[in-house]
Amino acid sequence: MIYSQIVGTGRYLPERIMTNADLEKIVDTTDEWIRTRTGIEQRHVAEDDQKTSDLCVEAAKVAMEEAGVTVEDIDLIVVGTTSPDLIFPNIATIIQHKMGIPACAAFSIEAACTGFVYALSTADKFIRAGDTKCALVIGAEIITKLIDWGDRSTCVLFGDGAGAVILKPSEEQGIVSTHLGADGQYKDLLYYPVGVSNNLAAAGVGDSRIIMSGNDVFKVAVKTLSSVAKEALDANNLSLDDVDWIIPHQANLRILQAMAKRLKVSMDKVIQTVQIHGNTSAASVPMALDVGIRDGRIKRGQTLLLVAFGGGFTWGSVLLRY
């Protein structure tokens, strides 16, 4: 049986760091207010001339170097993002061109904060089917260009970044299973009001912003993250005792704490980066994975459970042996 194995990871964050103290100067908020409600201390913010593809390229280079692969080896690129450079061509083709990767399948997936988990699940299927030998999978966002810096309920939450992994076939168990879901009835709780066929021509720069019903999102997020985690475990006859690390979407520290409480698991078992990255949407899971690997907590042979939840609402999990 063919499995897909993560053989390299990487991340990239814009150089500019915005602390809570910096936010105090531009919006009616305080460091204490932000920390108490979100746990966030700082976030990285892209420069005006930086594009999401730029972040993707840098993260991909790190993952490829660790995996020991070259651009000639890549035969599939899948990117999860809500903030692509252009409406079209899709961002994966832009990354392909910038990196000099030869012609191959390259596409993007828009599932908001669950984007990377959707992308990873998709690439896993390509490898299991025998159609792909080396996949580049990326989750990336420059989400700060979609927010209203005068809206303290949302501007304090988000940051920019990119995380990447290299997947290759293996006879040893790697990705055990993936589980995806969505329910469009919750669309109005978290969305961006402009699209290609909706208000695009009328919308001016700065006229639109992320719209979020924070309390409602919190409740559904906690319940859903817990449920999708249990779904993955039940499907494989495992318990949380069999999992070494939970790597959730880094939306808000309170959400992570509530999820852990609902699952009856210690926060010591949860990889946390929201304090220093903020909510980076589709980039949060792969960056948190890379952080855990780089600092030595995540080791080869361990069992990892990736879970994510995002606008749509969308959700998903990946159970894997690292």
C-alpha atoms as a PDB file:
ATOM      1  CA  MET A   1       0.000   0.000   0.000  1.00  0.00           C
ATOM      2  CA  ILE A   2       1.219   3.490  -0.866  1.00  0.00           C
ATOM      3  CA  TYR A   3       1.131   6.236   1.756  1.00  0.00           C
ATOM      4  CA  SER A   4       2.151   9.875   1.494  1.00  0.00           C
ATOM      5  CA  GLN A   5       4.909  10.950   3.874  1.00  0.00           C
ATOM      6  CA  ILE A   6       5.922  14.467   4.910  1.00  0.00           C
ATOM      7  CA  VAL A   7       9.644  14.618   4.161  1.00  0.00           C
ATOM      8  CA  GLY A   8      10.240  18.334   4.572  1.00  0.00           C
ATOM      9  CA  THR A   9       8.618  21.418   6.109  1.00  0.00           C
ATOM     10  CA  GLY A  10       9.249  25.144   5.969  1.00  0.00           C
ATOM     11  CA  ARG A  11       7.738  28.475   6.896  1.00  0.00           C
ATOM     12  CA  TYR A  12       8.220  32.127   6.079  1.00  0.00           C
ATOM     13  CA  LEU A  13       7.012  35.219   7.914  1.00  0.00           C
ATOM     14  CA  PRO A  14       7.268  38.824   6.718  1.00  0.00           C
ATOM     15  CA  GLU A  15      10.001  40.757   8.505  1.00  0.00           C
ATOM     16  CA  ARG A  16       7.689  43.449   9.848  1.00  0.00           C
ATOM     17  CA  ILE A  17       6.353  42.622  13.314  1.00  0.00           C
ATOM     18  CA  MET A  18       3.341  44.457  14.718  1.00  0.00           C
ATOM     19  CA  THR A  19       3.017  44.197  18.490  1.00  0.00           C
ATOM     20  CA  ASN A  20      -0.038  44.942  20.574  1.00  0.00           C
ATOM     21  CA  ALA A  21       1.682  48.161  21.620  1.00  0.00           C
ATOM     22  CA  ASP A  22       1.858  49.145  17.958  1.00  0.00           C
ATOM     23  CA  LEU A  23      -1.870  48.495  17.586  1.00  0.00           C
ATOM     24  CA  GLU A  24      -2.603  50.723  20.575  1.00  0.00           C
ATOM     25  CA  LYS A  25      -1.382  53.642  18.454  1.00  0.00           C
ATOM     26  CA  ILE A  26      -3.811  53.073  15.564  1.00  0.00           C
ATOM     27  CA  VAL A  27      -7.000  51.656  17.101  1.00  0.00           C
ATOM     28  CA  ASP A  28      -8.924  51.912  20.378  1.00  0.00           C
ATOM     29  CA  THR A  29      -7.457  48.876  22.140  1.00  0.00           C
ATOM     30  CA  THR A  30      -4.867  47.855  24.703  1.00  0.00           C
ATOM     31  CA  ASP A  31      -2.306  45.112  25.056  1.00  0.00           C
ATOM     32  CA  GLU A  32      -4.251  43.754  28.047  1.00  0.00           C
ATOM     33  CA  TRP A  33      -7.539  43.702  26.083  1.00  0.00           C
ATOM     34  CA  ILE A  34      -5.974  41.794  23.190  1.00  0.00           C
ATOM     35  CA  ARG A  35      -4.086  39.271  25.355  1.00  0.00           C
ATOM     36  CA  THR A  36      -7.110  38.573  27.552  1.00  0.00           C
ATOM     37  CA  ARG A  37      -9.452  37.915  24.632  1.00  0.00           C
ATOM     38  CA  THR A  38      -7.130  36.316  22.094  1.00  0.00           C
ATOM     39  CA  GLY A  39      -3.791  35.418  23.683  1.00  0.00           C
ATOM     40  CA  ILE A  40      -2.059  37.198  20.804  1.00  0.00           C
ATOM     41  CA  GLU A  41       1.046  39.250  21.579  1.00  0.00           C
ATOM     42  CA  GLN A  42       2.297  40.050  18.085  1.00  0.00           C
ATOM     43  CA  ARG A  43       1.766  39.263  14.406  1.00  0.00           C
ATOM     44  CA  HIS A  44       3.784  39.607  11.188  1.00  0.00           C
ATOM     45  CA  VAL A  45       2.503  42.011   8.537  1.00  0.00           C
ATOM     46  CA  ALA A  46       3.472  41.963   4.869  1.00  0.00           C
ATOM     47  CA  GLU A  47       4.826  45.079   3.196  1.00  0.00           C
ATOM     48  CA  ASP A  48       2.749  46.813   0.527  1.00  0.00           C
ATOM     49  CA  ASP A  49       4.852  45.355  -2.260  1.00  0.00           C
ATOM     50  CA  GLN A  50       4.847  41.786  -0.899  1.00  0.00           C
ATOM     51  CA  LYS A  51       2.508  39.258  -2.487  1.00  0.00           C
ATOM     52  CA  THR A  52       1.263  35.967  -1.083  1.00  0.00           C
ATOM     53  CA  SER A  53       3.245  34.105  -3.739  1.00  0.00           C
ATOM     54  CA  ASP A  54       6.437  35.749  -2.440  1.00  0.00           C
ATOM     55  CA  LEU A  55       5.831  34.250   0.993  1.00  0.00           C
ATOM     56  CA  CYS A  56       4.994  30.873  -0.574  1.00  0.00           C
ATOM     57  CA  VAL A  57       8.243  30.764  -2.548  1.00  0.00           C
ATOM     58  CA  GLU A  58      10.373  31.363   0.551  1.00  0.00           C
ATOM     59  CA  ALA A  59       8.535  28.749   2.614  1.00  0.00           C
ATOM     60  CA  ALA A  60       8.756  26.260  -0.263  1.00  0.00           C
ATOM     61  CA  LYS A  61      12.519  26.743  -0.582  1.00  0.00           C
ATOM     62  CA  VAL A  62      13.013  25.813   3.071  1.00  0.00           C
ATOM     63  CA  ALA A  63      10.787  22.723   2.806  1.00  0.00           C
ATOM     64  CA  MET A  64      12.489  21.580  -0.389  1.00  0.00           C
ATOM     65  CA  GLU A  65      15.957  22.010   1.095  1.00  0.00           C
ATOM     66  CA  GLU A  66      15.015  19.935   4.132  1.00  0.00           C
ATOM     67  CA  ALA A  67      13.475  17.259   1.906  1.00  0.00           C
ATOM     68  CA  GLY A  68      16.489  17.221  -0.397  1.00  0.00           C
ATOM     69  CA  VAL A  69      14.427  17.765  -3.534  1.00  0.00           C
ATOM     70  CA  THR A  70      14.884  20.109  -6.487  1.00  0.00           C
ATOM     71  CA  VAL A  71      12.412  21.941  -8.694  1.00  0.00           C
ATOM     72  CA  GLU A  72      12.738  19.116 -11.240  1.00  0.00           C
ATOM     73  CA  ASP A  73      11.369  16.674  -8.663  1.00  0.00           C
ATOM     74  CA  ILE A  74       8.110  18.548  -8.044  1.00  0.00           C
ATOM     75  CA  ASP A  75       5.196  17.149 -10.051  1.00  0.00           C
ATOM     76  CA  LEU A  76       2.243  18.634  -8.147  1.00  0.00           C
ATOM     77  CA  ILE A  77       1.632  21.995  -6.462  1.00  0.00           C
ATOM     78  CA  VAL A  78      -1.423  22.572  -4.282  1.00  0.00           C
ATOM     79  CA  VAL A  79      -1.901  25.839  -2.404  1.00  0.00           C
ATOM     80  CA  GLY A  80      -4.534  26.687   0.192  1.00  0.00           C
ATOM     81  CA  THR A  81      -5.147  30.434   0.396  1.00  0.00           C
ATOM     82  CA  THR A  82      -7.854  33.065   0.676  1.00  0.00           C
ATOM     83  CA  SER A  83      -5.577  35.894  -0.454  1.00  0.00           C
ATOM     84  CA  PRO A  84      -4.068  34.981  -3.851  1.00  0.00           C
ATOM     85  CA  ASP A  85      -2.055  37.477  -5.856  1.00  0.00           C
ATOM     86  CA  LEU A  86      -4.624  37.605  -8.646  1.00  0.00           C
ATOM     87  CA  ILE A  87      -8.090  36.292  -9.438  1.00  0.00           C
ATOM     88  CA  PHE A  88      -6.366  34.318 -12.185  1.00  0.00           C
ATOM     89  CA  PRO A  89      -4.050  32.717 -13.044  1.00  0.00           C
ATOM     90  CA  ASN A  90      -4.181  30.696  -9.858  1.00  0.00           C
ATOM     91  CA  ILE A  91      -1.413  31.319  -7.338  1.00  0.00           C
ATOM     92  CA  ALA A  92       0.110  27.831  -7.691  1.00  0.00           C
ATOM     93  CA  THR A  93       1.024  28.593 -11.304  1.00  0.00           C
ATOM     94  CA  ILE A  94       2.575  31.903 -10.237  1.00  0.00           C
ATOM     95  CA  ILE A  95       4.691  30.075  -7.642  1.00  0.00           C
ATOM     96  CA  GLN A  96       5.601  27.468 -10.244  1.00  0.00           C
ATOM     97  CA  HIS A  97       6.878  30.155 -12.613  1.00  0.00           C
ATOM     98  CA  LYS A  98       8.771  32.086  -9.922  1.00  0.00           C
ATOM     99  CA  MET A  99      10.556  28.930  -8.770  1.00  0.00           C
ATOM    100  CA  GLY A 100      11.248  27.520 -12.219  1.00  0.00           C
ATOM    101  CA  ILE A 101       9.310  24.311 -11.553  1.00  0.00           C
ATOM    102  CA  PRO A 102       8.709  22.377 -14.805  1.00  0.00           C
ATOM    103  CA  ALA A 103       5.190  21.915 -16.170  1.00  0.00           C
ATOM    104  CA  CYS A 104       2.980  19.935 -13.789  1.00  0.00           C
ATOM    105  CA  ALA A 105      -0.447  20.082 -12.179  1.00  0.00           C
ATOM    106  CA  ALA A 106      -0.704  23.291 -10.137  1.00  0.00           C
ATOM    107  CA  PHE A 107      -3.840  24.658  -8.521  1.00  0.00           C
ATOM    108  CA  SER A 108      -5.182  26.436  -5.451  1.00  0.00           C
ATOM    109  CA  ILE A 109      -7.947  25.684  -2.985  1.00  0.00           C
ATOM    110  CA  GLU A 110     -10.037  28.286  -1.184  1.00  0.00           C
ATOM    111  CA  ALA A 111     -11.375  26.934   2.099  1.00  0.00           C
ATOM    112  CA  ALA A 112     -10.444  29.888   4.327  1.00  0.00           C
ATOM    113  CA  CYS A 113      -8.553  28.802   7.448  1.00  0.00           C
ATOM    114  CA  THR A 114      -8.985  25.121   6.524  1.00  0.00           C
ATOM    115  CA  GLY A 115      -7.210  25.710   3.203  1.00  0.00           C
ATOM    116  CA  PHE A 116      -3.982  23.890   4.041  1.00  0.00           C
ATOM    117  CA  VAL A 117      -5.784  20.849   5.447  1.00  0.00           C
ATOM    118  CA  TYR A 118      -7.903  20.670   2.280  1.00  0.00           C
ATOM    119  CA  ALA A 119      -4.764  21.044   0.147  1.00  0.00           C
ATOM    120  CA  LEU A 120      -2.857  18.393   2.101  1.00  0.00           C
ATOM    121  CA  SER A 121      -5.782  15.974   1.861  1.00  0.00           C
ATOM    122  CA  THR A 122      -5.972  16.541  -1.898  1.00  0.00           C
ATOM    123  CA  ALA A 123      -2.257  15.977  -2.451  1.00  0.00           C
ATOM    124  CA  ASP A 124      -2.438  12.841  -0.311  1.00  0.00           C
ATOM    125  CA  LYS A 125      -5.057  11.410  -2.670  1.00  0.00           C
ATOM    126  CA  PHE A 126      -2.870  12.125  -5.722  1.00  0.00           C
ATOM    127  CA  ILE A 127       0.042  10.260  -4.145  1.00  0.00           C
ATOM    128  CA  ARG A 128      -2.077   7.327  -2.971  1.00  0.00           C
ATOM    129  CA  ALA A 129      -3.481   7.003  -6.492  1.00  0.00           C
ATOM    130  CA  GLY A 130       0.053   6.754  -7.874  1.00  0.00           C
ATOM    131  CA  ASP A 131      -0.290   9.946  -9.932  1.00  0.00           C
ATOM    132  CA  THR A 132       2.250  12.002  -7.970  1.00  0.00           C
ATOM    133  CA  LYS A 133       5.788  11.319  -6.799  1.00  0.00           C
ATOM    134  CA  CYS A 134       6.640  14.634  -5.150  1.00  0.00           C
ATOM    135  CA  ALA A 135       4.048  17.204  -4.083  1.00  0.00           C
ATOM    136  CA  LEU A 136       4.597  20.736  -2.846  1.00  0.00           C
ATOM    137  CA  VAL A 137       1.729  21.707  -0.533  1.00  0.00           C
ATOM    138  CA  ILE A 138       1.441  25.240   0.838  1.00  0.00           C
ATOM    139  CA  GLY A 139      -0.857  27.179   3.136  1.00  0.00           C
ATOM    140  CA  ALA A 140      -0.350  30.934   2.896  1.00  0.00           C
ATOM    141  CA  GLU A 141      -2.040  34.262   3.503  1.00  0.00           C
ATOM    142  CA  ILE A 142      -1.564  37.977   3.412  1.00  0.00           C
ATOM    143  CA  ILE A 143      -4.794  38.423   5.291  1.00  0.00           C
ATOM    144  CA  THR A 144      -3.890  41.827   6.747  1.00  0.00           C
ATOM    145  CA  LYS A 145      -4.698  43.425   3.396  1.00  0.00           C
ATOM    146  CA  LEU A 146      -8.321  42.353   3.842  1.00  0.00           C
ATOM    147  CA  ILE A 147      -8.926  43.879   7.271  1.00  0.00           C
ATOM    148  CA  ASP A 148     -10.124  47.252   8.497  1.00  0.00           C
ATOM    149  CA  TRP A 149      -7.412  48.608  10.804  1.00  0.00           C
ATOM    150  CA  GLY A 150     -10.059  50.685  12.534  1.00  0.00           C
ATOM    151  CA  ASP A 151     -12.111  47.651  13.556  1.00  0.00           C
ATOM    152  CA  ARG A 152     -10.600  46.408  16.807  1.00  0.00           C
ATOM    153  CA  SER A 153     -12.745  43.263  16.793  1.00  0.00           C
ATOM    154  CA  THR A 154     -10.874  41.911  13.758  1.00  0.00           C
ATOM    155  CA  CYS A 155      -7.662  43.875  13.158  1.00  0.00           C
ATOM    156  CA  VAL A 156      -6.040  42.563  16.340  1.00  0.00           C
ATOM    157  CA  LEU A 157      -6.504  38.953  15.258  1.00  0.00           C
ATOM    158  CA  PHE A 158      -4.779  38.476  11.945  1.00  0.00           C
ATOM    159  CA  GLY A 159      -1.247  38.106  10.654  1.00  0.00           C
ATOM    160  CA  ASP A 160       0.551  37.023   7.485  1.00  0.00           C
ATOM    161  CA  GLY A 161       2.774  34.059   6.668  1.00  0.00           C
ATOM    162  CA  ALA A 162       3.277  30.861   4.684  1.00  0.00           C
ATOM    163  CA  GLY A 163       3.962  27.256   5.560  1.00  0.00           C
ATOM    164  CA  ALA A 164       4.945  24.466   3.177  1.00  0.00           C
ATOM    165  CA  VAL A 165       5.473  20.713   3.178  1.00  0.00           C
ATOM    166  CA  ILE A 166       6.891  18.228   0.704  1.00  0.00           C
ATOM    167  CA  LEU A 167       4.965  14.968   0.322  1.00  0.00           C
ATOM    168  CA  LYS A 168       6.442  11.829  -1.212  1.00  0.00           C
ATOM    169  CA  PRO A 169       5.208   8.228  -1.541  1.00  0.00           C
ATOM    170  CA  SER A 170       6.233   5.761   1.147  1.00  0.00           C
ATOM    171  CA  GLU A 171       5.577   2.150   2.003  1.00  0.00           C
ATOM    172  CA  GLU A 172       5.608   3.166   5.654  1.00  0.00           C
ATOM    173  CA  GLN A 173       2.528   4.783   7.112  1.00  0.00           C
ATOM    174  CA  GLY A 174       2.563   8.560   6.810  1.00  0.00           C
ATOM    175  CA  ILE A 175      -0.800  10.259   6.400  1.00  0.00           C
ATOM    176  CA  VAL A 176      -3.206   7.765   7.932  1.00  0.00           C
ATOM    177  CA  SER A 177      -6.481   9.463   7.042  1.00  0.00           C
ATOM    178  CA  THR A 178      -8.021  12.840   6.257  1.00  0.00           C
ATOM    179  CA  HIS A 179     -11.507  14.082   7.045  1.00  0.00           C
ATOM    180  CA  LEU A 180     -13.085  17.149   5.442  1.00  0.00           C
ATOM    181  CA  GLY A 181     -16.411  18.896   5.899  1.00  0.00           C
ATOM    182  CA  ALA A 182     -18.327  22.115   5.335  1.00  0.00           C
ATOM    183  CA  ASP A 183     -21.694  23.687   6.073  1.00  0.00           C
ATOM    184  CA  GLY A 184     -22.656  26.775   4.116  1.00  0.00           C
ATOM    185  CA  GLN A 185     -25.505  27.745   6.426  1.00  0.00           C
ATOM    186  CA  TYR A 186     -22.946  29.558   8.580  1.00  0.00           C
ATOM    187  CA  LYS A 187     -21.698  31.789   5.760  1.00  0.00           C
ATOM    188  CA  ASP A 188     -22.946  35.040   7.301  1.00  0.00           C
ATOM    189  CA  LEU A 189     -20.996  34.532  10.538  1.00  0.00           C
ATOM    190  CA  LEU A 190     -17.604  35.033   8.908  1.00  0.00           C
ATOM    191  CA  TYR A 191     -17.078  36.375   5.397  1.00  0.00           C
ATOM    192  CA  TYR A 192     -15.597  38.989   3.091  1.00  0.00           C
ATOM    193  CA  PRO A 193     -18.363  40.835   1.226  1.00  0.00           C
ATOM    194  CA  VAL A 194     -16.692  41.329  -2.161  1.00  0.00           C
ATOM    195  CA  GLY A 195     -16.178  38.808  -4.964  1.00  0.00           C
ATOM    196  CA  VAL A 196     -15.828  38.524  -8.727  1.00  0.00           C
ATOM    197  CA  SER A 197     -19.591  38.378  -9.300  1.00  0.00           C
ATOM    198  CA  ASN A 198     -20.576  40.425  -6.256  1.00  0.00           C
ATOM    199  CA  ASN A 199     -19.773  44.134  -5.853  1.00  0.00           C
ATOM    200  CA  LEU A 200     -16.279  43.814  -7.329  1.00  0.00           C
ATOM    201  CA  ALA A 201     -16.576  46.745  -9.745  1.00  0.00           C
ATOM    202  CA  ALA A 202     -18.192  48.974  -7.132  1.00  0.00           C
ATOM    203  CA  ALA A 203     -15.758  48.191  -4.364  1.00  0.00           C
ATOM    204  CA  GLY A 204     -12.939  50.651  -3.833  1.00  0.00           C
ATOM    205  CA  VAL A 205      -9.712  50.166  -1.921  1.00  0.00           C
ATOM    206  CA  GLY A 206     -10.483  50.172   1.779  1.00  0.00           C
ATOM    207  CA  ASP A 207     -14.243  49.974   1.259  1.00  0.00           C
ATOM    208  CA  SER A 208     -14.500  46.340   2.338  1.00  0.00           C
ATOM    209  CA  ARG A 209     -13.437  44.387   5.382  1.00  0.00           C
ATOM    210  CA  ILE A 210     -13.732  40.987   7.005  1.00  0.00           C
ATOM    211  CA  ILE A 211     -17.098  40.656   8.722  1.00  0.00           C
ATOM    212  CA  MET A 212     -17.252  38.347  11.727  1.00  0.00           C
ATOM    213  CA  SER A 213     -19.729  37.495  14.459  1.00  0.00           C
ATOM    214  CA  GLY A 214     -17.085  36.669  17.023  1.00  0.00           C
ATOM    215  CA  ASN A 215     -19.124  34.980  19.747  1.00  0.00           C
ATOM    216  CA  ASP A 216     -21.023  32.785  17.305  1.00  0.00           C
ATOM    217  CA  VAL A 217     -17.836  31.785  15.485  1.00  0.00           C
ATOM    218  CA  PHE A 218     -16.207  30.912  18.799  1.00  0.00           C
ATOM    219  CA  LYS A 219     -18.992  28.518  19.789  1.00  0.00           C
ATOM    220  CA  VAL A 220     -19.129  26.683  16.479  1.00  0.00           C
ATOM    221  CA  ALA A 221     -15.334  26.580  16.148  1.00  0.00           C
ATOM    222  CA  VAL A 222     -14.808  24.901  19.522  1.00  0.00           C
ATOM    223  CA  LYS A 223     -17.512  22.326  18.892  1.00  0.00           C
ATOM    224  CA  THR A 224     -16.368  21.600  15.346  1.00  0.00           C
ATOM    225  CA  LEU A 225     -12.638  21.333  16.077  1.00  0.00           C
ATOM    226  CA  SER A 226     -13.411  18.845  18.826  1.00  0.00           C
ATOM    227  CA  SER A 227     -15.785  16.857  16.623  1.00  0.00           C
ATOM    228  CA  VAL A 228     -13.437  16.594  13.657  1.00  0.00           C
ATOM    229  CA  ALA A 229     -10.627  15.495  15.980  1.00  0.00           C
ATOM    230  CA  LYS A 230     -12.834  12.736  17.395  1.00  0.00           C
ATOM    231  CA  GLU A 231     -13.918  11.751  13.881  1.00  0.00           C
ATOM    232  CA  ALA A 232     -10.315  11.099  12.862  1.00  0.00           C
ATOM    233  CA  LEU A 233      -9.592   9.102  16.007  1.00  0.00           C
ATOM    234  CA  ASP A 234     -12.779   7.035  15.806  1.00  0.00           C
ATOM    235  CA  ALA A 235     -12.142   6.216  12.149  1.00  0.00           C
ATOM    236  CA  ASN A 236      -8.821   4.661  13.129  1.00  0.00           C
ATOM    237  CA  ASN A 237      -9.837   3.099  16.455  1.00  0.00           C
ATOM    238  CA  LEU A 238      -7.501   5.406  18.364  1.00  0.00           C
ATOM    239  CA  SER A 239      -7.810   7.642  21.408  1.00  0.00           C
ATOM    240  CA  LEU A 240      -6.091  10.880  22.311  1.00  0.00           C
ATOM    241  CA  ASP A 241      -3.661   8.815  24.366  1.00  0.00           C
ATOM    242  CA  ASP A 242      -2.325   7.516  21.032  1.00  0.00           C
ATOM    243  CA  VAL A 243      -1.667  11.059  19.760  1.00  0.00           C
ATOM    244  CA  ASP A 244       1.606  12.806  20.592  1.00  0.00           C
ATOM    245  CA  TRP A 245       0.665  16.277  19.348  1.00  0.00           C
ATOM    246  CA  ILE A 246      -2.465  18.139  18.313  1.00  0.00           C
ATOM    247  CA  ILE A 247      -1.733  20.891  15.796  1.00  0.00           C
ATOM    248  CA  PRO A 248      -4.849  23.065  15.437  1.00  0.00           C
ATOM    249  CA  HIS A 249      -5.615  26.138  13.403  1.00  0.00           C
ATOM    250  CA  GLN A 250      -4.251  29.041  15.445  1.00  0.00           C
ATOM    251  CA  ALA A 251      -7.334  31.247  15.536  1.00  0.00           C
ATOM    252  CA  ASN A 252      -7.451  32.382  19.122  1.00  0.00           C
ATOM    253  CA  LEU A 253      -5.880  31.035  22.316  1.00  0.00           C
ATOM    254  CA  ARG A 254      -9.269  30.868  24.034  1.00  0.00           C
ATOM    255  CA  ILE A 255     -10.585  28.657  21.236  1.00  0.00           C
ATOM    256  CA  LEU A 256      -7.604  26.331  21.608  1.00  0.00           C
ATOM    257  CA  GLN A 257      -8.084  26.170  25.368  1.00  0.00           C
ATOM    258  CA  ALA A 258     -11.804  25.475  25.038  1.00  0.00           C
ATOM    259  CA  MET A 259     -11.121  22.786  22.425  1.00  0.00           C
ATOM    260  CA  ALA A 260      -8.595  21.100  24.717  1.00  0.00           C
ATOM    261  CA  LYS A 261     -11.044  21.227  27.623  1.00  0.00           C
ATOM    262  CA  ARG A 262     -13.785  19.699  25.489  1.00  0.00           C
ATOM    263  CA  LEU A 263     -11.410  16.924  24.395  1.00  0.00           C
ATOM    264  CA  LYS A 264     -10.165  16.506  27.977  1.00  0.00           C
ATOM    265  CA  VAL A 265      -6.550  16.882  26.917  1.00  0.00           C
ATOM    266  CA  SER A 266      -3.765  19.012  28.408  1.00  0.00           C
ATOM    267  CA  MET A 267      -2.707  22.161  26.575  1.00  0.00           C
ATOM    268  CA  ASP A 268       0.829  20.774  26.914  1.00  0.00           C
ATOM    269  CA  LYS A 269      -0.142  18.438  24.072  1.00  0.00           C
ATOM    270  CA  VAL A 270      -1.260  21.288  21.807  1.00  0.00           C
ATOM    271  CA  ILE A 271       1.238  23.109  19.573  1.00  0.00           C
ATOM    272  CA  GLN A 272       0.594  26.833  20.065  1.00  0.00           C
ATOM    273  CA  THR A 273       1.893  29.662  17.896  1.00  0.00           C
ATOM    274  CA  VAL A 274      -1.038  32.078  17.926  1.00  0.00           C
ATOM    275  CA  GLN A 275       0.737  34.193  20.561  1.00  0.00           C
ATOM    276  CA  ILE A 276       3.510  35.138  18.128  1.00  0.00           C
ATOM    277  CA  HIS A 277       1.837  34.668  14.726  1.00  0.00           C
ATOM    278  CA  GLY A 278      -1.768  35.731  15.309  1.00  0.00           C
ATOM    279  CA  ASN A 279      -4.411  34.126  13.123  1.00  0.00           C
ATOM    280  CA  THR A 280      -2.707  33.463   9.780  1.00  0.00           C
ATOM    281  CA  SER A 281      -5.689  31.592   8.331  1.00  0.00           C
ATOM    282  CA  ALA A 282      -4.559  28.853   5.905  1.00  0.00           C
ATOM    283  CA  ALA A 283      -0.913  29.358   6.908  1.00  0.00           C
ATOM    284  CA  SER A 284      -1.389  28.641  10.607  1.00  0.00           C
ATOM    285  CA  VAL A 285      -1.393  24.824  10.623  1.00  0.00           C
ATOM    286  CA  PRO A 286       1.690  24.283   8.415  1.00  0.00           C
ATOM    287  CA  MET A 287       3.618  27.007  10.246  1.00  0.00           C
ATOM    288  CA  ALA A 288       2.731  25.524  13.636  1.00  0.00           C
ATOM    289  CA  LEU A 289       3.806  22.113  12.330  1.00  0.00           C
ATOM    290  CA  ASP A 290       7.140  23.539  11.210  1.00  0.00           C
ATOM    291  CA  VAL A 291       7.660  25.332  14.540  1.00  0.00           C
ATOM    292  CA  GLY A 292       7.094  22.083  16.450  1.00  0.00           C
ATOM    293  CA  ILE A 293       9.512  20.198  14.222  1.00  0.00           C
ATOM    294  CA  ARG A 294      12.219  22.870  14.313  1.00  0.00           C
ATOM    295  CA  ASP A 295      12.191  23.268  18.076  1.00  0.00           C
ATOM    296  CA  GLY A 296      12.478  19.523  18.560  1.00  0.00           C
ATOM    297  CA  ARG A 297       9.118  18.758  20.143  1.00  0.00           C
ATOM    298  CA  ILE A 298       7.835  16.854  17.125  1.00  0.00           C
ATOM    299  CA  LYS A 299       9.968  13.810  16.354  1.00  0.00           C
ATOM    300  CA  ARG A 300       9.980  11.121  13.695  1.00  0.00           C
ATOM    301  CA  GLY A 301       7.639   8.276  14.498  1.00  0.00           C
ATOM    302  CA  GLN A 302       5.209  10.394  16.499  1.00  0.00           C
ATOM    303  CA  THR A 303       1.482  10.577  15.782  1.00  0.00           C
ATOM    304  CA  LEU A 304       0.119  14.002  14.907  1.00  0.00           C
ATOM    305  CA  LEU A 305      -3.450  15.250  14.603  1.00  0.00           C
ATOM    306  CA  LEU A 306      -3.941  18.368  12.492  1.00  0.00           C
ATOM    307  CA  VAL A 307      -7.327  20.089  12.837  1.00  0.00           C
ATOM    308  CA  ALA A 308      -8.673  23.257  11.254  1.00  0.00           C
ATOM    309  CA  PHE A 309     -11.829  25.333  11.023  1.00  0.00           C
ATOM    310  CA  GLY A 310     -12.590  28.304   8.802  1.00  0.00           C
ATOM    311  CA  GLY A 311     -15.119  30.552   7.105  1.00  0.00           C
ATOM    312  CA  GLY A 312     -17.788  28.770   5.144  1.00  0.00           C
ATOM    313  CA  PHE A 313     -17.836  27.112   7.560  1.00  0.00           C
ATOM    314  CA  THR A 314     -15.221  24.569   6.504  1.00  0.00           C
ATOM    315  CA  TRP A 315     -13.348  22.103   8.665  1.00  0.00           C
ATOM    316  CA  GLY A 316     -10.958  19.214   8.399  1.00  0.00           C
ATOM    317  CA  SER A 317      -8.435  16.952  10.097  1.00  0.00           C
ATOM    318  CA  VAL A 318      -5.353  14.989   9.121  1.00  0.00           C
ATOM    319  CA  LEU A 319      -4.076  12.101  11.216  1.00  0.00           C
ATOM    320  CA  LEU A 320      -0.488  11.198  10.389  1.00  0.00           C
ATOM    321  CA  ARG A 321       2.629   9.410  11.545  1.00  0.00           C
ATOM    322  CA  TYR A 322       5.507  11.816  11.260  1.00  0.00           C
END
